[in-house]
Amino acid sequence: MATQTLNRATSGTGTSPAIRQPRKKMTAGRIAAVVVAAAIAALWLVPFAWATVTAFKTETDAAAPKVSWIPPSGFTADAFAKVFQDGNIPLWTWNSLYTSAAITAVTLVISSLVAYALSRIDFKGKKVLMTVIIASIIVPPPVLIIPLFYQMLALHMIDTSWAIILPQVIHPAMVFVLKKFFDQIPRELEEAAVVDGASRMRIFTQIILPLSRPILAAVAIFVFIGAWNNFLWPFIATNDASLLTLPVGLQTIKSAYGIQYAQNMASALLAALPLILVFLFFQRQIIKGVATTGLAGT
């Protein structure tokens, strides 16, 4: 009986046929919004295009004072070859991949459980805990660097992967976002499951989580991107060359001839490429997740 109730509760997600929405009429306001969005996109794309062009220049052309989109010496991949020659790109990429994936997985488990408890369970100190979570969102991460370092040092985790992973699995903002989404799920679904004898954990895993796939996907992508881009904490927590993440490892590639603009741009593109691919493949989940939280209009 409990299984039937749970199946009925979740049968509405992902199985119903798509309903064709009427095409929205293009008004003057909508056209203006599209123009503004295109202008903002162009402002972002121009620096990215310039970085890409610079990465394929020779160092002489990249350092030339005259701005040129087409280098006089032609395009070359020497900067990328130099970066791969001087650094261990495959190892650094693997380190970033598995630490970011581990941070994302642990963060999803912790944040979803905490958010569900705050959304559905009444307990003493709930308001105080929620206040602390919201207040901690505004705390700048660099403020916690020294306490976290001494904590990892006391646990003998410095120069291990755990030193990179564990301090990054607590995300108060993700708890808040997930709680706000869980609050929108009708309680009648849980009440029907309770009548059929379902436990709290079964309700969470078989009703709440299936209904929360869009926001869970969005949270996972946001956390993964943040973990991948994090430079400061992995730089402080590890000295072992075999544990360097990609952003940290790329910074170790230095030249004795001063600033190498082409190599710097090539390194930046290599670090950004995985995140660009992630966004291209999961942009629908990101947009849907942001829309379903209700944060887009706040």
C-alpha atoms as a PDB file:
ATOM      1  CA  MET A   1       0.000   0.000   0.000  1.00  0.00           C
ATOM      2  CA  ALA A   2       2.810   2.399   0.920  1.00  0.00           C
ATOM      3  CA  THR A   3       4.574   1.673  -2.357  1.00  0.00           C
ATOM      4  CA  GLN A   4       1.439   2.457  -4.354  1.00  0.00           C
ATOM      5  CA  THR A   5       1.061   5.797  -2.578  1.00  0.00           C
ATOM      6  CA  LEU A   6       4.675   6.692  -3.215  1.00  0.00           C
ATOM      7  CA  ASN A   7       4.361   5.742  -6.877  1.00  0.00           C
ATOM      8  CA  ARG A   8       1.246   7.876  -7.241  1.00  0.00           C
ATOM      9  CA  ALA A   9       2.999  10.796  -5.563  1.00  0.00           C
ATOM     10  CA  THR A  10       5.940  10.736  -7.932  1.00  0.00           C
ATOM     11  CA  SER A  11       4.207   9.582 -11.110  1.00  0.00           C
ATOM     12  CA  GLY A  12       3.619  13.156 -12.208  1.00  0.00           C
ATOM     13  CA  THR A  13       7.304  13.890 -12.720  1.00  0.00           C
ATOM     14  CA  GLY A  14       8.918  13.084 -16.017  1.00  0.00           C
ATOM     15  CA  THR A  15       6.136  10.832 -17.383  1.00  0.00           C
ATOM     16  CA  SER A  16       3.294  13.125 -18.391  1.00  0.00           C
ATOM     17  CA  PRO A  17       3.215  14.269 -22.031  1.00  0.00           C
ATOM     18  CA  ALA A  18       4.491  17.736 -22.703  1.00  0.00           C
ATOM     19  CA  ILE A  19       1.836  20.418 -23.007  1.00  0.00           C
ATOM     20  CA  ARG A  20       2.406  22.817 -25.870  1.00  0.00           C
ATOM     21  CA  GLN A  21       2.619  26.337 -24.546  1.00  0.00           C
ATOM     22  CA  PRO A  22       1.255  29.168 -26.681  1.00  0.00           C
ATOM     23  CA  ARG A  23       3.971  31.268 -28.272  1.00  0.00           C
ATOM     24  CA  LYS A  24       4.437  34.517 -26.401  1.00  0.00           C
ATOM     25  CA  LYS A  25       3.796  37.673 -28.401  1.00  0.00           C
ATOM     26  CA  MET A  26       6.863  39.829 -28.977  1.00  0.00           C
ATOM     27  CA  THR A  27       6.103  43.133 -27.299  1.00  0.00           C
ATOM     28  CA  ALA A  28       8.272  46.232 -27.227  1.00  0.00           C
ATOM     29  CA  GLY A  29       9.353  45.428 -23.665  1.00  0.00           C
ATOM     30  CA  ARG A  30      10.309  41.863 -24.589  1.00  0.00           C
ATOM     31  CA  ILE A  31      12.297  43.082 -27.613  1.00  0.00           C
ATOM     32  CA  ALA A  32      14.115  45.612 -25.412  1.00  0.00           C
ATOM     33  CA  ALA A  33      14.942  42.862 -22.909  1.00  0.00           C
ATOM     34  CA  VAL A  34      16.371  40.677 -25.699  1.00  0.00           C
ATOM     35  CA  VAL A  35      18.490  43.584 -26.968  1.00  0.00           C
ATOM     36  CA  VAL A  36      19.835  44.303 -23.474  1.00  0.00           C
ATOM     37  CA  ALA A  37      20.580  40.598 -22.892  1.00  0.00           C
ATOM     38  CA  ALA A  38      22.413  40.421 -26.241  1.00  0.00           C
ATOM     39  CA  ALA A  39      24.466  43.490 -25.340  1.00  0.00           C
ATOM     40  CA  ILE A  40      25.435  41.982 -21.975  1.00  0.00           C
ATOM     41  CA  ALA A  41      26.359  38.714 -23.698  1.00  0.00           C
ATOM     42  CA  ALA A  42      28.552  40.637 -26.155  1.00  0.00           C
ATOM     43  CA  LEU A  43      30.296  42.420 -23.283  1.00  0.00           C
ATOM     44  CA  TRP A  44      31.186  39.005 -21.848  1.00  0.00           C
ATOM     45  CA  LEU A  45      32.137  37.423 -25.160  1.00  0.00           C
ATOM     46  CA  VAL A  46      34.558  40.149 -26.278  1.00  0.00           C
ATOM     47  CA  PRO A  47      37.082  39.572 -23.432  1.00  0.00           C
ATOM     48  CA  PHE A  48      36.714  35.804 -23.867  1.00  0.00           C
ATOM     49  CA  ALA A  49      37.342  36.110 -27.606  1.00  0.00           C
ATOM     50  CA  TRP A  50      40.372  38.323 -26.956  1.00  0.00           C
ATOM     51  CA  ALA A  51      41.784  35.775 -24.486  1.00  0.00           C
ATOM     52  CA  THR A  52      41.275  33.012 -27.058  1.00  0.00           C
ATOM     53  CA  VAL A  53      42.999  34.980 -29.803  1.00  0.00           C
ATOM     54  CA  THR A  54      45.891  35.902 -27.473  1.00  0.00           C
ATOM     55  CA  ALA A  55      46.375  32.241 -26.483  1.00  0.00           C
ATOM     56  CA  PHE A  56      46.997  31.381 -30.155  1.00  0.00           C
ATOM     57  CA  LYS A  57      49.531  34.175 -30.699  1.00  0.00           C
ATOM     58  CA  THR A  58      53.290  34.068 -30.382  1.00  0.00           C
ATOM     59  CA  GLU A  59      54.674  35.715 -27.239  1.00  0.00           C
ATOM     60  CA  THR A  60      56.057  38.553 -29.364  1.00  0.00           C
ATOM     61  CA  ASP A  61      52.675  39.304 -30.931  1.00  0.00           C
ATOM     62  CA  ALA A  62      50.890  38.919 -27.581  1.00  0.00           C
ATOM     63  CA  ALA A  63      53.202  41.479 -25.935  1.00  0.00           C
ATOM     64  CA  ALA A  64      52.980  43.982 -28.810  1.00  0.00           C
ATOM     65  CA  PRO A  65      51.441  47.322 -27.742  1.00  0.00           C
ATOM     66  CA  LYS A  66      49.312  47.508 -30.877  1.00  0.00           C
ATOM     67  CA  VAL A  67      45.931  45.814 -30.562  1.00  0.00           C
ATOM     68  CA  SER A  68      45.504  43.240 -33.284  1.00  0.00           C
ATOM     69  CA  TRP A  69      42.880  40.510 -33.641  1.00  0.00           C
ATOM     70  CA  ILE A  70      44.894  38.896 -36.445  1.00  0.00           C
ATOM     71  CA  PRO A  71      48.539  38.440 -35.360  1.00  0.00           C
ATOM     72  CA  PRO A  72      51.216  39.406 -37.927  1.00  0.00           C
ATOM     73  CA  SER A  73      53.039  36.115 -37.388  1.00  0.00           C
ATOM     74  CA  GLY A  74      49.891  34.054 -37.752  1.00  0.00           C
ATOM     75  CA  PHE A  75      48.136  31.824 -35.270  1.00  0.00           C
ATOM     76  CA  THR A  76      50.068  29.145 -33.417  1.00  0.00           C
ATOM     77  CA  ALA A  77      49.480  26.646 -30.617  1.00  0.00           C
ATOM     78  CA  ASP A  78      52.962  27.058 -29.148  1.00  0.00           C
ATOM     79  CA  ALA A  79      51.583  28.529 -25.919  1.00  0.00           C
ATOM     80  CA  PHE A  80      49.426  25.448 -25.300  1.00  0.00           C
ATOM     81  CA  ALA A  81      52.356  23.172 -26.162  1.00  0.00           C
ATOM     82  CA  LYS A  82      54.532  25.038 -23.663  1.00  0.00           C
ATOM     83  CA  VAL A  83      51.909  24.735 -20.918  1.00  0.00           C
ATOM     84  CA  PHE A  84      51.564  20.995 -21.495  1.00  0.00           C
ATOM     85  CA  GLN A  85      55.329  20.607 -21.628  1.00  0.00           C
ATOM     86  CA  ASP A  86      56.022  22.452 -18.356  1.00  0.00           C
ATOM     87  CA  GLY A  87      53.053  21.154 -16.367  1.00  0.00           C
ATOM     88  CA  ASN A  88      51.300  17.890 -15.564  1.00  0.00           C
ATOM     89  CA  ILE A  89      47.927  18.849 -17.034  1.00  0.00           C
ATOM     90  CA  PRO A  90      46.347  15.332 -17.008  1.00  0.00           C
ATOM     91  CA  LEU A  91      47.163  14.794 -13.316  1.00  0.00           C
ATOM     92  CA  TRP A  92      45.991  18.263 -12.284  1.00  0.00           C
ATOM     93  CA  THR A  93      42.779  17.821 -14.265  1.00  0.00           C
ATOM     94  CA  TRP A  94      42.130  14.456 -12.610  1.00  0.00           C
ATOM     95  CA  ASN A  95      42.750  15.929  -9.149  1.00  0.00           C
ATOM     96  CA  SER A  96      40.300  18.748  -9.845  1.00  0.00           C
ATOM     97  CA  LEU A  97      37.762  16.324 -11.262  1.00  0.00           C
ATOM     98  CA  TYR A  98      37.625  13.848  -8.407  1.00  0.00           C
ATOM     99  CA  THR A  99      37.877  16.430  -5.610  1.00  0.00           C
ATOM    100  CA  SER A 100      35.140  18.553  -7.200  1.00  0.00           C
ATOM    101  CA  ALA A 101      32.956  15.476  -7.735  1.00  0.00           C
ATOM    102  CA  ALA A 102      33.474  14.354  -4.120  1.00  0.00           C
ATOM    103  CA  ILE A 103      32.694  17.847  -2.798  1.00  0.00           C
ATOM    104  CA  THR A 104      29.537  17.967  -4.919  1.00  0.00           C
ATOM    105  CA  ALA A 105      28.299  14.541  -3.796  1.00  0.00           C
ATOM    106  CA  VAL A 106      28.904  15.145  -0.081  1.00  0.00           C
ATOM    107  CA  THR A 107      27.443  18.647  -0.273  1.00  0.00           C
ATOM    108  CA  LEU A 108      24.244  17.341  -1.886  1.00  0.00           C
ATOM    109  CA  VAL A 109      23.781  14.718   0.825  1.00  0.00           C
ATOM    110  CA  ILE A 110      24.429  17.092   3.739  1.00  0.00           C
ATOM    111  CA  SER A 111      22.557  20.089   2.332  1.00  0.00           C
ATOM    112  CA  SER A 112      19.472  18.110   1.272  1.00  0.00           C
ATOM    113  CA  LEU A 113      19.178  16.382   4.654  1.00  0.00           C
ATOM    114  CA  VAL A 114      19.573  19.644   6.578  1.00  0.00           C
ATOM    115  CA  ALA A 115      17.160  21.467   4.268  1.00  0.00           C
ATOM    116  CA  TYR A 116      14.541  18.723   4.615  1.00  0.00           C
ATOM    117  CA  ALA A 117      14.801  18.793   8.403  1.00  0.00           C
ATOM    118  CA  LEU A 118      14.398  22.571   8.448  1.00  0.00           C
ATOM    119  CA  SER A 119      11.488  22.402   6.019  1.00  0.00           C
ATOM    120  CA  ARG A 120       9.459  19.549   7.484  1.00  0.00           C
ATOM    121  CA  ILE A 121      10.525  18.772  11.056  1.00  0.00           C
ATOM    122  CA  ASP A 122       9.718  20.939  14.077  1.00  0.00           C
ATOM    123  CA  PHE A 123      12.428  20.804  16.724  1.00  0.00           C
ATOM    124  CA  LYS A 124      13.789  22.997  19.475  1.00  0.00           C
ATOM    125  CA  GLY A 125      16.204  25.628  18.225  1.00  0.00           C
ATOM    126  CA  LYS A 126      15.017  25.416  14.634  1.00  0.00           C
ATOM    127  CA  LYS A 127      14.657  29.185  14.230  1.00  0.00           C
ATOM    128  CA  VAL A 128      18.053  29.794  15.799  1.00  0.00           C
ATOM    129  CA  LEU A 129      19.673  27.263  13.470  1.00  0.00           C
ATOM    130  CA  MET A 130      18.002  28.825  10.441  1.00  0.00           C
ATOM    131  CA  THR A 131      19.191  32.267  11.543  1.00  0.00           C
ATOM    132  CA  VAL A 132      22.752  30.999  11.888  1.00  0.00           C
ATOM    133  CA  ILE A 133      22.622  29.413   8.424  1.00  0.00           C
ATOM    134  CA  ILE A 134      21.345  32.606   6.812  1.00  0.00           C
ATOM    135  CA  ALA A 135      23.898  34.725   8.705  1.00  0.00           C
ATOM    136  CA  SER A 136      26.748  32.436   7.663  1.00  0.00           C
ATOM    137  CA  ILE A 137      25.927  33.055   4.002  1.00  0.00           C
ATOM    138  CA  ILE A 138      27.290  36.588   4.275  1.00  0.00           C
ATOM    139  CA  VAL A 139      30.566  35.485   5.922  1.00  0.00           C
ATOM    140  CA  PRO A 140      33.413  35.873   3.367  1.00  0.00           C
ATOM    141  CA  PRO A 141      35.167  32.507   2.832  1.00  0.00           C
ATOM    142  CA  PRO A 142      38.696  33.992   3.285  1.00  0.00           C
ATOM    143  CA  VAL A 143      37.789  34.789   6.898  1.00  0.00           C
ATOM    144  CA  LEU A 144      37.637  31.042   7.617  1.00  0.00           C
ATOM    145  CA  ILE A 145      40.971  30.179   5.991  1.00  0.00           C
ATOM    146  CA  ILE A 146      43.098  30.317   9.171  1.00  0.00           C
ATOM    147  CA  PRO A 147      40.643  28.415  11.441  1.00  0.00           C
ATOM    148  CA  LEU A 148      40.139  25.747   8.768  1.00  0.00           C
ATOM    149  CA  PHE A 149      43.890  25.395   8.256  1.00  0.00           C
ATOM    150  CA  TYR A 150      44.532  24.846  11.960  1.00  0.00           C
ATOM    151  CA  GLN A 151      41.628  22.423  12.107  1.00  0.00           C
ATOM    152  CA  MET A 152      43.023  20.349   9.238  1.00  0.00           C
ATOM    153  CA  LEU A 153      46.473  20.565  10.821  1.00  0.00           C
ATOM    154  CA  ALA A 154      45.142  19.231  14.135  1.00  0.00           C
ATOM    155  CA  LEU A 155      43.471  16.350  12.275  1.00  0.00           C
ATOM    156  CA  HIS A 156      46.719  15.593  10.396  1.00  0.00           C
ATOM    157  CA  MET A 157      44.980  16.059   7.036  1.00  0.00           C
ATOM    158  CA  ILE A 158      47.230  18.711   5.520  1.00  0.00           C
ATOM    159  CA  ASP A 159      48.678  17.527   2.201  1.00  0.00           C
ATOM    160  CA  THR A 160      45.854  15.051   1.668  1.00  0.00           C
ATOM    161  CA  SER A 161      42.804  15.100  -0.569  1.00  0.00           C
ATOM    162  CA  TRP A 162      40.608  15.280   2.529  1.00  0.00           C
ATOM    163  CA  ALA A 163      42.100  18.686   3.324  1.00  0.00           C
ATOM    164  CA  ILE A 164      40.760  19.937  -0.008  1.00  0.00           C
ATOM    165  CA  ILE A 165      37.390  18.192   0.165  1.00  0.00           C
ATOM    166  CA  LEU A 166      36.084  18.422   3.737  1.00  0.00           C
ATOM    167  CA  PRO A 167      36.219  22.228   4.284  1.00  0.00           C
ATOM    168  CA  GLN A 168      34.249  22.780   1.068  1.00  0.00           C
ATOM    169  CA  VAL A 169      31.270  20.490   1.717  1.00  0.00           C
ATOM    170  CA  ILE A 170      29.371  22.969   3.914  1.00  0.00           C
ATOM    171  CA  HIS A 171      27.327  25.390   1.813  1.00  0.00           C
ATOM    172  CA  PRO A 172      24.766  27.403   3.805  1.00  0.00           C
ATOM    173  CA  ALA A 173      23.484  29.052   0.617  1.00  0.00           C
ATOM    174  CA  MET A 174      22.663  25.654  -0.900  1.00  0.00           C
ATOM    175  CA  VAL A 175      20.829  24.646   2.292  1.00  0.00           C
ATOM    176  CA  PHE A 176      18.724  27.797   2.036  1.00  0.00           C
ATOM    177  CA  VAL A 177      17.952  27.226  -1.647  1.00  0.00           C
ATOM    178  CA  LEU A 178      16.970  23.583  -1.106  1.00  0.00           C
ATOM    179  CA  LYS A 179      14.804  24.444   1.917  1.00  0.00           C
ATOM    180  CA  LYS A 180      12.969  27.073  -0.091  1.00  0.00           C
ATOM    181  CA  PHE A 181      12.254  24.493  -2.779  1.00  0.00           C
ATOM    182  CA  PHE A 182      11.181  21.794  -0.278  1.00  0.00           C
ATOM    183  CA  ASP A 183       8.738  24.287   1.258  1.00  0.00           C
ATOM    184  CA  GLN A 184       6.886  24.398  -2.076  1.00  0.00           C
ATOM    185  CA  ILE A 185       6.263  20.624  -2.185  1.00  0.00           C
ATOM    186  CA  PRO A 186       2.702  19.852  -0.974  1.00  0.00           C
ATOM    187  CA  ARG A 187       2.612  18.252   2.449  1.00  0.00           C
ATOM    188  CA  GLU A 188      -0.383  16.160   1.398  1.00  0.00           C
ATOM    189  CA  LEU A 189       1.981  13.834  -0.453  1.00  0.00           C
ATOM    190  CA  GLU A 190       3.871  13.072   2.745  1.00  0.00           C
ATOM    191  CA  GLU A 191       0.706  12.761   4.810  1.00  0.00           C
ATOM    192  CA  ALA A 192      -0.667  10.144   2.408  1.00  0.00           C
ATOM    193  CA  ALA A 193       2.595   8.217   2.603  1.00  0.00           C
ATOM    194  CA  VAL A 194       2.607   8.378   6.410  1.00  0.00           C
ATOM    195  CA  VAL A 195      -0.906   6.930   6.502  1.00  0.00           C
ATOM    196  CA  ASP A 196       0.366   4.020   4.403  1.00  0.00           C
ATOM    197  CA  GLY A 197       3.191   3.439   6.866  1.00  0.00           C
ATOM    198  CA  ALA A 198       6.134   5.032   5.053  1.00  0.00           C
ATOM    199  CA  SER A 199       9.062   6.120   7.230  1.00  0.00           C
ATOM    200  CA  ARG A 200      10.511   9.604   7.235  1.00  0.00           C
ATOM    201  CA  MET A 201      13.630   8.469   5.345  1.00  0.00           C
ATOM    202  CA  ARG A 202      11.543   6.649   2.739  1.00  0.00           C
ATOM    203  CA  ILE A 203       9.445   9.756   2.189  1.00  0.00           C
ATOM    204  CA  PHE A 204      12.627  11.776   1.751  1.00  0.00           C
ATOM    205  CA  THR A 205      14.278   9.396  -0.715  1.00  0.00           C
ATOM    206  CA  GLN A 206      11.209   8.329  -2.722  1.00  0.00           C
ATOM    207  CA  ILE A 207       9.026  11.439  -2.727  1.00  0.00           C
ATOM    208  CA  ILE A 208      11.027  14.564  -1.919  1.00  0.00           C
ATOM    209  CA  LEU A 209      14.188  13.802  -3.870  1.00  0.00           C
ATOM    210  CA  PRO A 210      12.461  12.634  -7.097  1.00  0.00           C
ATOM    211  CA  LEU A 211      10.341  15.787  -7.075  1.00  0.00           C
ATOM    212  CA  SER A 212      13.454  17.896  -6.507  1.00  0.00           C
ATOM    213  CA  ARG A 213      15.548  16.709  -9.436  1.00  0.00           C
ATOM    214  CA  PRO A 214      15.722  20.160 -11.147  1.00  0.00           C
ATOM    215  CA  ILE A 215      16.981  22.014  -8.079  1.00  0.00           C
ATOM    216  CA  LEU A 216      19.324  19.170  -7.098  1.00  0.00           C
ATOM    217  CA  ALA A 217      20.860  19.273 -10.574  1.00  0.00           C
ATOM    218  CA  ALA A 218      21.281  23.045 -10.376  1.00  0.00           C
ATOM    219  CA  VAL A 219      22.836  22.878  -6.906  1.00  0.00           C
ATOM    220  CA  ALA A 220      25.188  20.115  -8.036  1.00  0.00           C
ATOM    221  CA  ILE A 221      26.376  22.173 -10.997  1.00  0.00           C
ATOM    222  CA  PHE A 222      26.861  25.335  -8.914  1.00  0.00           C
ATOM    223  CA  VAL A 223      28.836  23.465  -6.251  1.00  0.00           C
ATOM    224  CA  PHE A 224      30.942  21.649  -8.843  1.00  0.00           C
ATOM    225  CA  ILE A 225      31.830  24.903 -10.610  1.00  0.00           C
ATOM    226  CA  GLY A 226      32.707  26.578  -7.314  1.00  0.00           C
ATOM    227  CA  ALA A 227      34.902  23.654  -6.239  1.00  0.00           C
ATOM    228  CA  TRP A 228      36.620  23.507  -9.630  1.00  0.00           C
ATOM    229  CA  ASN A 229      37.392  27.245  -9.635  1.00  0.00           C
ATOM    230  CA  ASN A 230      38.570  27.357  -6.022  1.00  0.00           C
ATOM    231  CA  PHE A 231      42.218  28.363  -5.976  1.00  0.00           C
ATOM    232  CA  LEU A 232      42.961  29.809  -2.536  1.00  0.00           C
ATOM    233  CA  TRP A 233      42.064  26.877  -0.279  1.00  0.00           C
ATOM    234  CA  PRO A 234      43.690  24.069  -2.340  1.00  0.00           C
ATOM    235  CA  PHE A 235      46.758  26.301  -2.674  1.00  0.00           C
ATOM    236  CA  ILE A 236      47.016  26.625   1.119  1.00  0.00           C
ATOM    237  CA  ALA A 237      46.011  23.084   2.072  1.00  0.00           C
ATOM    238  CA  THR A 238      48.414  21.175  -0.171  1.00  0.00           C
ATOM    239  CA  ASN A 239      52.127  21.332  -0.913  1.00  0.00           C
ATOM    240  CA  ASP A 240      52.437  17.912  -2.504  1.00  0.00           C
ATOM    241  CA  ALA A 241      52.864  18.284  -6.274  1.00  0.00           C
ATOM    242  CA  SER A 242      50.838  15.115  -6.864  1.00  0.00           C
ATOM    243  CA  LEU A 243      47.768  16.677  -5.182  1.00  0.00           C
ATOM    244  CA  LEU A 244      47.671  19.998  -7.025  1.00  0.00           C
ATOM    245  CA  THR A 245      44.374  20.910  -8.658  1.00  0.00           C
ATOM    246  CA  LEU A 246      44.278  22.442 -12.119  1.00  0.00           C
ATOM    247  CA  PRO A 247      43.954  26.132 -11.055  1.00  0.00           C
ATOM    248  CA  VAL A 248      46.813  25.727  -8.555  1.00  0.00           C
ATOM    249  CA  GLY A 249      48.997  23.678 -10.873  1.00  0.00           C
ATOM    250  CA  LEU A 250      48.700  26.141 -13.737  1.00  0.00           C
ATOM    251  CA  GLN A 251      50.006  28.895 -11.468  1.00  0.00           C
ATOM    252  CA  THR A 252      53.208  26.938 -10.908  1.00  0.00           C
ATOM    253  CA  ILE A 253      54.118  27.250 -14.585  1.00  0.00           C
ATOM    254  CA  LYS A 254      56.328  30.311 -14.546  1.00  0.00           C
ATOM    255  CA  SER A 255      58.858  31.637 -16.996  1.00  0.00           C
ATOM    256  CA  ALA A 256      62.202  33.289 -16.364  1.00  0.00           C
ATOM    257  CA  TYR A 257      61.428  35.855 -19.071  1.00  0.00           C
ATOM    258  CA  GLY A 258      58.746  37.792 -17.251  1.00  0.00           C
ATOM    259  CA  ILE A 259      55.037  37.751 -18.017  1.00  0.00           C
ATOM    260  CA  GLN A 260      54.150  35.415 -20.868  1.00  0.00           C
ATOM    261  CA  TYR A 261      50.758  36.670 -22.037  1.00  0.00           C
ATOM    262  CA  ALA A 262      50.062  33.883 -24.513  1.00  0.00           C
ATOM    263  CA  GLN A 263      50.879  31.182 -21.969  1.00  0.00           C
ATOM    264  CA  ASN A 264      48.757  32.902 -19.320  1.00  0.00           C
ATOM    265  CA  MET A 265      45.782  33.021 -21.659  1.00  0.00           C
ATOM    266  CA  ALA A 266      46.338  29.404 -22.709  1.00  0.00           C
ATOM    267  CA  SER A 267      46.374  28.358 -19.033  1.00  0.00           C
ATOM    268  CA  ALA A 268      43.187  30.317 -18.358  1.00  0.00           C
ATOM    269  CA  LEU A 269      41.416  28.674 -21.299  1.00  0.00           C
ATOM    270  CA  LEU A 270      42.503  25.195 -20.201  1.00  0.00           C
ATOM    271  CA  ALA A 271      41.130  25.852 -16.711  1.00  0.00           C
ATOM    272  CA  ALA A 272      37.859  27.281 -18.032  1.00  0.00           C
ATOM    273  CA  LEU A 273      37.207  24.752 -20.800  1.00  0.00           C
ATOM    274  CA  PRO A 274      35.716  21.992 -18.565  1.00  0.00           C
ATOM    275  CA  LEU A 275      33.335  24.480 -16.956  1.00  0.00           C
ATOM    276  CA  ILE A 276      32.248  25.816 -20.342  1.00  0.00           C
ATOM    277  CA  LEU A 277      31.466  22.257 -21.430  1.00  0.00           C
ATOM    278  CA  VAL A 278      29.532  21.627 -18.207  1.00  0.00           C
ATOM    279  CA  PHE A 279      27.412  24.725 -18.792  1.00  0.00           C
ATOM    280  CA  LEU A 280      26.794  23.893 -22.454  1.00  0.00           C
ATOM    281  CA  PHE A 281      25.585  20.386 -21.593  1.00  0.00           C
ATOM    282  CA  PHE A 282      23.580  21.337 -18.474  1.00  0.00           C
ATOM    283  CA  GLN A 283      22.409  24.891 -19.167  1.00  0.00           C
ATOM    284  CA  ARG A 284      18.768  23.768 -19.260  1.00  0.00           C
ATOM    285  CA  GLN A 285      19.069  22.229 -15.778  1.00  0.00           C
ATOM    286  CA  ILE A 286      20.800  25.356 -14.464  1.00  0.00           C
ATOM    287  CA  ILE A 287      18.113  27.697 -15.790  1.00  0.00           C
ATOM    288  CA  LYS A 288      15.289  25.414 -14.666  1.00  0.00           C
ATOM    289  CA  GLY A 289      16.807  25.015 -11.233  1.00  0.00           C
ATOM    290  CA  VAL A 290      17.178  28.766 -10.730  1.00  0.00           C
ATOM    291  CA  ALA A 291      13.609  29.344 -11.958  1.00  0.00           C
ATOM    292  CA  THR A 292      12.095  26.720  -9.665  1.00  0.00           C
ATOM    293  CA  THR A 293      13.742  28.176  -6.560  1.00  0.00           C
ATOM    294  CA  GLY A 294      11.931  31.474  -7.002  1.00  0.00           C
ATOM    295  CA  LEU A 295      15.247  33.331  -6.662  1.00  0.00           C
ATOM    296  CA  ALA A 296      15.088  34.743 -10.165  1.00  0.00           C
ATOM    297  CA  GLY A 297      12.590  37.352  -9.166  1.00  0.00           C
ATOM    298  CA  THR A 298      14.082  38.246  -5.820  1.00  0.00           C
END
